[in-house]
Each structure stands twice: as structure tokens, then as C-alpha cells.
Amino acid sequence: MKIAFYGSSLVSSYWNGAATYYRGLLKALAARGYDITFYEPDAYDRQKHRDIEPPSWCRVVVYEANSDALKAVAGRAGEADVVVKASGVGFADDEILAAVLDAAAPDAIRIFWDVDAPATLAEMAQDPGHALHRALARLDLVLTYGGGDPVVRAYEGFGAARCIPVYNALDPETHHPVAPDERFSCDLAFLGNRLPDREARVEEFFLRAASLLPGQRFLLGGAGWDDKPLPANVRSLGHVPTRDHNAFNVTPKAVLNISRASMAENGFSPATRVFEAAGAGACLITDAWEGLDLFLKEGEEVLVARDGRDVAEALAALTPERARAIGERARARILAEHTYEHRAEQVDRLFRRFVRSRNVEAAE
């Protein structure tokens, strides 16, 4: 099957947290025989901050961020068996959605793939004129990379024919143990861009923990933190390219995952960081959210904190030996149950079942 995928960026993770998800999932689908073209706009300086070149397993078409270029690439949707419009493209999202649905072949599977379902659903609840309200009747599937039953119920309540979570996962060829790197030496590291929906939680879970442990070293990675006041024991790195993520994860005694507020409230939304860290064999401390036990077991494969004091207490009590054991158990669990091969199998099964069902209906 041919897939036309319209998303933010495959080749750049700059201000684009979905890149790891896209790469892992599409690479695994390509290994199952899918012919994939990824269409991404030249926006937000992402092309100036590429961290991979176009891969062998997917064609990448970069188009100018203007209406003529948009129309041209949207028209290519008519060549595909599966047409995917992802959320958060970052340029003319509503126009792209309408254009690719108009161009899609009559028998193509039409999908909206939401990589930030809590935010999308909040917008839809507040805006009766939201483009998705109109588009849902034309979509065969809504896929999300998190959210569980609350997101499924919300989307189906808005009229989606079917909503299915396809969770983040691990690409073990990309995220794996490496040698430590002194650049990332510290007791606790956190990697995440500065976003309104995350900043207060970073202040509580990371910066408060640093203030409570002045004798320990903390490392902050991610874009947008340059003018943020930080405790004296916190060092800021700025953007960390994906090629350095393995070393960033394995070098500290522990790494911290902090969900955005909307993700934590909905639950069942493991960030790519969870799987990157586990894949590298890192000891992960995460904020608490419903559904975590589907992926990692608290106390054995991950440490869980309810606030910054919990983070500080967990870190203060953590020995290097226990940190290594937690990381090893987490890696084994994720490799056994949560790789992108597992997710691609799920998606492939879903697509083929959909095609069979449609063929049966056509024959009746």
C-alpha cells in the first residue's frame, strides 16, 4: 500500500517532538512493505536544523509554506491508498486537511493522526467551527499517539467513526545503550522544550527538586529556556539533537520525564522520552499519570513522583547500583512489548482489516 503522510517534519526534531514517533513508526511500516511519502513544509527553521537526512525507507517532500505549494502536494494524496493528515503541521493545518481529503481517491483510507489529542480536543470543545468538526464525517479513522479511553470517548462523541490509540514506542536501532559522555554528567537530567502547558510542571518537578538538593547536579536540555531563572546547581544546554539523546540518557544517574499538563490529566500518554530513556537503559523518574502501568512497573522499572519533593527524595535515596537495575529492567520490558515493530503490526492489522471490510461491503 502507498501512504501519503502530511506532518510537521520527519527530518528535523527542532521544535518538533513528534519526529521520533514518525521516524520509528514509519520505518517499521516500511519494513512491512508500505511505500511511504512524507510531506512537510519548510517552516519554523526546521530545515536549517535537520538531524537526519531523508531516509532510504521513506521519500520526503519538503514544500514551501505558501498556498500554491500546498495545493500541489495535497494533490498527490490522490495517488495513495492511505492518506494521513497529522495534527500540528504548523502551517495551514486546516487548509491541508481539507485539500488532502478533497484529493484522496474514493477508495483510499482517510486518517487524521493526532499527536496531541488533549490539545486538539480542547480546541474542538471551545470552537464549534473547528475544522475537524466538519472533517470527521469524511474520515475513516482517527489515530492518536496517546490518550486511552478518555480520548477515544471524546473523539467518538464528536462524531469520529473510530478512534484508536497507537502509542509511542522504542526504535532499538536508534535508542540504545552507549558509552557515557562527560558533557551530560549530572545526577538528574531533564530534556524538554519550554511550552506553556509544561513550564509550571517543570518548575515543580525539576527546579523545585534542584532547590531541595543543592549538593546534587541537575541538567536541563531543550529549546526556549535561555532566559529562565535557574537554581545554581542547574546547568542549561539548549536544544539537544537526537544524535545525542542516547548519551544524554545513559550518563546521568537518572533522567526525568515530565508530562505536559493536558497529557497528565488525560493519562495513557507516554511521551517519546519514556521510551528513549528506557531503550538506552536509563533509570527513569516520571511524574504520575494514569495508565503508566501498561508500559512500566512502578518501583521496579520506573520511579514515580507526585511532586518535586518526591523527585528529590527518590534521587537522594537512589544508588548507582539500583539506578542501573531499574534501567535494565525497563529496557527489557520495553523491548519485549513496546517497540515500533509492535506498533507497526497493530497499524498494519488495522489497515488490512479495514480494506477487507470495505471489500466485503462492496461485494454485497
Foldseek 3Di string as FASTA:
>chain_A
DEEEEEAQDCFFCAVNQCNLVVVFQQQLLLVVPYAYEYEAECDPCRVVHGPHDDDPSYHYHYFYQDDVRLLVSLLCQCVGQEYEQEPDNPGPSLVSLVSNLVNHDPNHQYEYEYAPQLVVLVVVVVDVPDSVLVCQVSHQEYEYQWQPPVSQVSVVVSPHPGYYYLHAAADLVQAAADDADPVQAWAEEEADADDPQFVVQCCKAPQVLCVVCVPTAYEYEEADCPPPDGPPRYDYDYHDGSNCLLNNQARHLAYEEEDGNSDQVSFGHDRNNLNSNLRNLFAYEYEDHPPCVVQADDPQQHDYDPINVSNNVCSVPDDSVSRNRNSPVNNVRRVVAGGSNNSNVVVVVVVVVVSVVVVVVVVD
